[in-house]
């Protein structure tokens, strides 16, 4: 028995990753499939070489003020991340299980019909991540889920179905920019910043609290670019159930990783790479049969 416990502890120590990011990282999310994401935000993202995560409400697509499927697929082909934001953007905590099945499960199927494999869900209104029946339904279809109310997400001790993010809001562009700078600079070596955007407007249009002007967005993207931030997508995140940690996935040709032999270890470990200060420290683990023979 002591040998088995020692073996388990040794394996856990070996596979516990050093969760370190080499640069301050930011996720830029665009919610609700509004047309300005394509006609305004996309051009500015392209200018600075950034890719965003676009959370799609299926029944909004093709309606007035929203993108169509051609535009959604263009974003995907250009390397942006397309993920699920339900069928109708309703408060999930108020729905029956049958209704949840439709809003959450059908949303994944809807995207799949258009060639999009979504593994991340965003709760409409950031509502439902504290309700077990909602989370249970989300976990049937998705690997991760994004909630709200906090711009910083730690990579350690993570609830993978309540990933943090904060909506950009306010009435003055100067105040919004100040908060944006403060929020992204709270990212550190073990946590990334996550900012949500909704509608986009030009400088002559009256703005709502959660609207973003193109001038402000340009200023924010320039700030990220000029100050060395790395913008990642939600699909770039992996999760290990062994340690309850998030990690940033890469597919560098020079990274060769061997997966653990124990079937209880996550398949994500087949190929992963934690960004270090040198951005080169990939670690792989392979255990001899003797080391795991006592684990069932």
Protein backbone atom coordinates (compact mmCIF):
# COMPACT_ATOMS: atom_id res chain seq x y z
CA UNK A 1 0.00 0.00 0.00
CA UNK A 2 2.82 2.44 0.89
CA UNK A 3 4.48 1.66 -2.42
CA UNK A 4 1.26 2.39 -4.31
CA UNK A 5 0.76 5.71 -2.48
CA UNK A 6 4.38 6.68 -3.08
CA UNK A 7 4.04 5.82 -6.77
CA UNK A 8 0.89 7.92 -7.10
CA UNK A 9 2.54 10.88 -5.35
CA UNK A 10 5.60 10.57 -7.58
CA UNK A 11 3.52 10.54 -10.75
CA UNK A 12 1.48 13.56 -9.62
CA UNK A 13 4.69 15.46 -8.87
CA UNK A 14 6.12 14.59 -12.26
CA UNK A 15 3.07 15.65 -14.26
CA UNK A 16 2.38 18.82 -12.27
CA UNK A 17 3.30 21.48 -14.82
CA UNK A 18 5.02 24.75 -14.17
CA UNK A 19 2.22 27.01 -15.33
CA UNK A 20 4.16 30.01 -16.57
CA UNK A 21 3.39 32.39 -19.41
CA UNK A 22 6.25 34.11 -21.20
CA UNK A 23 4.26 37.21 -22.16
CA UNK A 24 1.20 38.97 -20.85
CA UNK A 25 -1.69 37.26 -22.62
CA UNK A 26 -5.15 38.54 -23.51
CA UNK A 27 -8.26 36.90 -24.92
CA UNK A 28 -10.52 39.19 -26.96
CA UNK A 29 -14.10 37.89 -27.15
CA UNK A 30 -16.85 39.23 -29.40
CA UNK A 31 -20.36 38.31 -28.31
CA UNK A 32 -23.76 38.08 -30.00
CA UNK A 33 -22.67 37.98 -33.67
CA UNK A 34 -23.34 41.68 -34.33
CA UNK A 35 -22.46 42.96 -37.80
CA UNK A 36 -19.88 45.43 -36.52
CA UNK A 37 -17.67 42.53 -35.49
CA UNK A 38 -17.16 41.80 -39.17
CA UNK A 39 -17.33 45.27 -40.72
CA UNK A 40 -15.41 47.18 -38.03
CA UNK A 41 -13.54 45.07 -35.47
CA UNK A 42 -12.19 42.54 -38.01
CA UNK A 43 -10.27 45.17 -39.97
CA UNK A 44 -8.56 46.50 -36.85
CA UNK A 45 -7.70 43.02 -35.61
CA UNK A 46 -6.16 42.26 -39.00
CA UNK A 47 -4.12 45.47 -38.88
CA UNK A 48 -2.35 44.34 -35.72
CA UNK A 49 -2.24 40.62 -36.52
CA UNK A 50 -4.62 39.59 -33.75
CA UNK A 51 -7.22 36.82 -33.77
CA UNK A 52 -10.43 36.99 -31.76
CA UNK A 53 -12.96 34.57 -30.33
CA UNK A 54 -16.46 35.15 -31.70
CA UNK A 55 -19.25 33.71 -29.57
CA UNK A 56 -22.13 32.99 -31.90
CA UNK A 57 -25.87 33.05 -31.19
CA UNK A 58 -27.22 30.75 -33.89
CA UNK A 59 -30.69 32.22 -34.29
CA UNK A 60 -29.24 35.73 -34.56
CA UNK A 61 -27.29 34.84 -37.70
CA UNK A 62 -28.78 36.43 -40.82
CA UNK A 63 -31.09 38.77 -38.90
CA UNK A 64 -30.95 42.56 -39.03
CA UNK A 65 -27.79 44.00 -37.49
CA UNK A 66 -26.04 40.63 -37.32
CA UNK A 67 -23.58 38.65 -39.42
CA UNK A 68 -24.59 36.00 -41.92
CA UNK A 69 -23.09 32.52 -42.20
CA UNK A 70 -20.79 33.53 -45.07
CA UNK A 71 -19.24 36.17 -42.83
CA UNK A 72 -18.98 33.75 -39.90
CA UNK A 73 -17.22 31.19 -42.09
CA UNK A 74 -14.89 33.86 -43.46
CA UNK A 75 -13.82 34.71 -39.91
CA UNK A 76 -13.15 31.04 -39.28
CA UNK A 77 -11.09 30.66 -42.47
CA UNK A 78 -9.03 33.70 -41.47
CA UNK A 79 -8.03 32.00 -38.22
CA UNK A 80 -10.49 33.50 -35.80
CA UNK A 81 -12.16 31.29 -33.23
CA UNK A 82 -15.91 30.63 -33.58
CA UNK A 83 -17.61 29.30 -30.46
CA UNK A 84 -21.10 28.78 -29.03
CA UNK A 85 -23.24 31.40 -27.28
CA UNK A 86 -26.57 29.49 -27.28
CA UNK A 87 -29.46 29.47 -29.74
CA UNK A 88 -31.42 32.53 -28.56
CA UNK A 89 -29.31 34.33 -25.93
CA UNK A 90 -31.65 33.77 -23.01
CA UNK A 91 -31.11 33.48 -19.24
CA UNK A 92 -30.22 29.82 -18.80
CA UNK A 93 -30.89 29.74 -15.06
CA UNK A 94 -34.60 30.17 -15.77
CA UNK A 95 -34.95 27.29 -18.21
CA UNK A 96 -36.15 23.71 -17.88
CA UNK A 97 -33.83 20.83 -18.73
CA UNK A 98 -35.55 20.40 -22.10
CA UNK A 99 -35.03 24.07 -22.88
CA UNK A 100 -31.41 23.87 -21.74
CA UNK A 101 -30.85 20.92 -24.04
CA UNK A 102 -31.99 23.06 -26.95
CA UNK A 103 -30.11 26.24 -26.07
CA UNK A 104 -26.84 24.49 -25.23
CA UNK A 105 -26.76 21.23 -27.18
CA UNK A 106 -28.52 22.43 -30.32
CA UNK A 107 -26.17 25.41 -30.49
CA UNK A 108 -23.21 23.05 -30.90
CA UNK A 109 -25.08 21.09 -33.57
CA UNK A 110 -26.05 24.30 -35.34
CA UNK A 111 -22.41 25.37 -35.63
CA UNK A 112 -21.38 21.87 -36.70
CA UNK A 113 -23.81 22.06 -39.63
CA UNK A 114 -21.80 25.02 -40.85
CA UNK A 115 -18.45 23.29 -40.49
CA UNK A 116 -17.57 24.67 -37.06
CA UNK A 117 -16.55 22.39 -34.19
CA UNK A 118 -17.21 24.38 -31.02
CA UNK A 119 -15.74 23.16 -27.74
CA UNK A 120 -16.27 26.35 -25.73
CA UNK A 121 -19.58 27.77 -24.52
CA UNK A 122 -20.31 31.28 -23.26
CA UNK A 123 -23.25 31.77 -20.90
CA UNK A 124 -25.62 34.48 -22.17
CA UNK A 125 -25.67 37.37 -19.68
CA UNK A 126 -22.96 35.38 -17.81
CA UNK A 127 -25.90 33.59 -16.20
CA UNK A 128 -25.98 29.93 -15.17
CA UNK A 129 -22.41 29.05 -14.25
CA UNK A 130 -23.50 28.79 -10.60
CA UNK A 131 -26.41 26.42 -11.37
CA UNK A 132 -25.50 22.74 -11.30
CA UNK A 133 -28.15 21.65 -13.81
CA UNK A 134 -26.90 24.26 -16.29
CA UNK A 135 -23.26 23.29 -15.82
CA UNK A 136 -24.14 19.61 -16.16
CA UNK A 137 -25.75 20.29 -19.52
CA UNK A 138 -22.83 22.43 -20.70
CA UNK A 139 -20.34 19.72 -19.68
CA UNK A 140 -22.09 17.21 -21.95
CA UNK A 141 -21.09 19.17 -25.03
CA UNK A 142 -18.16 21.46 -24.24
CA UNK A 143 -14.67 21.32 -22.76
CA UNK A 144 -14.69 24.88 -21.36
CA UNK A 145 -17.25 27.57 -20.63
CA UNK A 146 -16.85 31.30 -20.18
CA UNK A 147 -18.76 33.23 -17.52
CA UNK A 148 -18.08 36.84 -16.52
CA UNK A 149 -17.52 39.55 -13.89
CA UNK A 150 -13.72 39.38 -13.68
CA UNK A 151 -11.13 40.36 -16.31
CA UNK A 152 -8.39 38.05 -14.97
CA UNK A 153 -8.31 34.26 -15.14
CA UNK A 154 -5.69 32.28 -13.26
CA UNK A 155 -4.27 29.15 -14.85
CA UNK A 156 -4.28 27.34 -11.51
CA UNK A 157 -7.11 25.72 -9.52
CA UNK A 158 -9.56 26.42 -12.33
CA UNK A 159 -13.29 25.81 -12.60
CA UNK A 160 -13.26 25.06 -16.31
CA UNK A 161 -16.98 25.78 -16.65
CA UNK A 162 -16.68 29.27 -15.22
CA UNK A 163 -13.76 30.92 -17.04
CA UNK A 164 -13.51 34.60 -16.18
CA UNK A 165 -14.05 37.52 -18.57
CA UNK A 166 -15.27 41.10 -18.26
CA UNK A 167 -17.44 43.15 -20.61
CA UNK A 168 -16.01 46.48 -21.69
CA UNK A 169 -18.56 49.04 -20.56
CA UNK A 170 -18.95 52.71 -19.74
CA UNK A 171 -19.96 55.96 -21.41
CA UNK A 172 -16.70 57.79 -22.09
CA UNK A 173 -14.02 56.36 -24.35
CA UNK A 174 -11.32 57.87 -22.16
CA UNK A 175 -12.65 56.02 -19.10
CA UNK A 176 -13.03 52.77 -21.04
CA UNK A 177 -9.48 52.97 -22.32
CA UNK A 178 -8.11 53.64 -18.84
CA UNK A 179 -9.92 50.58 -17.44
CA UNK A 180 -8.83 48.47 -20.41
CA UNK A 181 -5.18 49.31 -19.77
CA UNK A 182 -5.56 48.58 -16.06
CA UNK A 183 -7.28 45.25 -16.71
CA UNK A 184 -4.85 43.87 -19.28
CA UNK A 185 -1.87 44.89 -17.17
CA UNK A 186 -3.19 42.75 -14.33
CA UNK A 187 -2.28 39.73 -16.46
CA UNK A 188 0.87 38.05 -15.21
CA UNK A 189 2.97 34.91 -15.57
CA UNK A 190 0.19 32.67 -14.24
CA UNK A 191 -2.96 34.51 -15.36
CA UNK A 192 -4.36 35.99 -18.56
CA UNK A 193 -6.76 38.88 -19.15
CA UNK A 194 -10.08 38.28 -20.91
CA UNK A 195 -12.15 41.17 -22.31
CA UNK A 196 -15.60 40.91 -23.92
CA UNK A 197 -16.89 43.23 -26.64
CA UNK A 198 -20.43 43.56 -27.93
CA UNK A 199 -21.63 46.17 -30.44
CA UNK A 200 -19.30 48.38 -32.47
CA UNK A 201 -20.09 51.89 -33.67
CA UNK A 202 -18.33 54.65 -35.53
CA UNK A 203 -17.43 57.96 -33.94
CA UNK A 204 -20.55 59.82 -35.05
CA UNK A 205 -23.05 57.29 -33.70
CA UNK A 206 -24.52 57.56 -30.21
CA UNK A 207 -23.08 54.79 -28.08
CA UNK A 208 -24.64 52.53 -25.49
CA UNK A 209 -22.87 51.47 -22.31
CA UNK A 210 -21.52 48.26 -23.83
CA UNK A 211 -20.81 49.67 -27.29
CA UNK A 212 -17.25 50.22 -28.49
CA UNK A 213 -16.26 52.91 -30.97
CA UNK A 214 -13.83 52.02 -33.73
CA UNK A 215 -11.55 54.79 -32.51
CA UNK A 216 -11.39 53.30 -29.04
CA UNK A 217 -10.86 49.76 -30.33
CA UNK A 218 -8.04 50.96 -32.56
CA UNK A 219 -6.42 52.66 -29.56
CA UNK A 220 -6.75 49.51 -27.45
CA UNK A 221 -5.34 47.17 -30.10
CA UNK A 222 -2.44 49.53 -30.73
CA UNK A 223 -1.71 49.54 -27.00
CA UNK A 224 -1.59 45.73 -26.92
CA UNK A 225 0.60 45.60 -29.99
CA UNK A 226 3.04 48.31 -28.91
CA UNK A 227 3.43 46.90 -25.41
CA UNK A 228 4.20 43.30 -26.36
CA UNK A 229 0.94 41.59 -25.34
CA UNK A 230 0.12 38.22 -26.91
CA UNK A 231 -3.50 37.77 -28.00
CA UNK A 232 -4.75 34.19 -27.84
CA UNK A 233 -8.09 32.55 -28.61
CA UNK A 234 -10.31 30.49 -26.33
CA UNK A 235 -9.55 27.43 -28.46
CA UNK A 236 -5.86 27.89 -27.65
CA UNK A 237 -6.61 26.90 -24.06
CA UNK A 238 -6.40 23.33 -22.83
CA UNK A 239 -7.41 21.93 -19.46
CA UNK A 240 -5.90 19.18 -17.34
CA UNK A 241 -8.26 17.36 -15.00
CA UNK A 242 -5.20 15.88 -13.28
CA UNK A 243 -4.22 19.23 -11.80
CA UNK A 244 -7.24 21.47 -12.60
CA UNK A 245 -5.04 23.84 -14.56
CA UNK A 246 -5.40 25.65 -17.85
CA UNK A 247 -2.55 25.65 -20.32
CA UNK A 248 -1.86 27.31 -23.65
CA UNK A 249 -1.62 24.87 -26.53
CA UNK A 250 0.79 25.23 -29.44
CA UNK A 251 1.64 23.14 -32.46
CA UNK A 252 5.31 23.99 -32.99
CA UNK A 253 7.10 21.50 -35.23
CA UNK A 254 10.00 21.29 -32.79
CA UNK A 255 7.82 20.18 -29.89
CA UNK A 256 7.76 16.41 -29.47
CA UNK A 257 5.71 15.18 -26.54
CA UNK A 258 5.10 11.63 -25.35
CA UNK A 259 1.79 11.00 -23.66
CA UNK A 260 1.48 9.31 -20.26
CA UNK A 261 0.54 5.65 -20.43
CA UNK A 262 -2.11 5.82 -17.72
CA UNK A 263 -5.51 6.10 -19.40
CA UNK A 264 -6.73 8.39 -16.60
CA UNK A 265 -4.38 11.13 -17.75
CA UNK A 266 -5.79 13.69 -20.15
CA UNK A 267 -5.36 13.20 -23.86
CA UNK A 268 -4.47 16.87 -24.03
CA UNK A 269 -1.03 15.92 -22.68
CA UNK A 270 -0.26 14.24 -26.00
CA UNK A 271 0.93 17.58 -27.25
CA UNK A 272 1.18 20.68 -25.09
CA UNK A 273 3.59 23.46 -24.40
CA UNK A 274 3.69 25.89 -21.54
CA UNK A 275 5.00 29.30 -22.43
CA UNK A 276 8.03 30.11 -20.27
CA UNK A 277 10.15 33.20 -20.19
CA UNK A 278 12.14 31.66 -23.04
CA UNK A 279 8.99 30.28 -24.73
CA UNK A 280 10.79 26.97 -25.25
CA UNK A 281 10.23 24.82 -22.19
CA UNK A 282 8.13 21.88 -23.37
CA UNK A 283 7.99 18.89 -21.05
CA UNK A 284 6.77 15.39 -21.85
CA UNK A 285 6.24 12.48 -19.56
CA UNK A 286 6.38 8.74 -20.18
CA UNK A 287 6.20 6.27 -17.32
CA UNK A 288 7.46 2.69 -17.28
CA UNK A 289 4.85 -0.03 -16.79
CA UNK A 290 6.27 -0.82 -13.37
CA UNK A 291 5.56 2.68 -12.15
CA UNK A 292 1.86 2.47 -12.91
CA UNK A 293 1.17 -1.18 -12.31
CA UNK A 294 -0.37 -0.46 -8.92
CA UNK A 295 -2.93 2.01 -10.25
CA UNK A 296 -6.31 0.80 -11.36
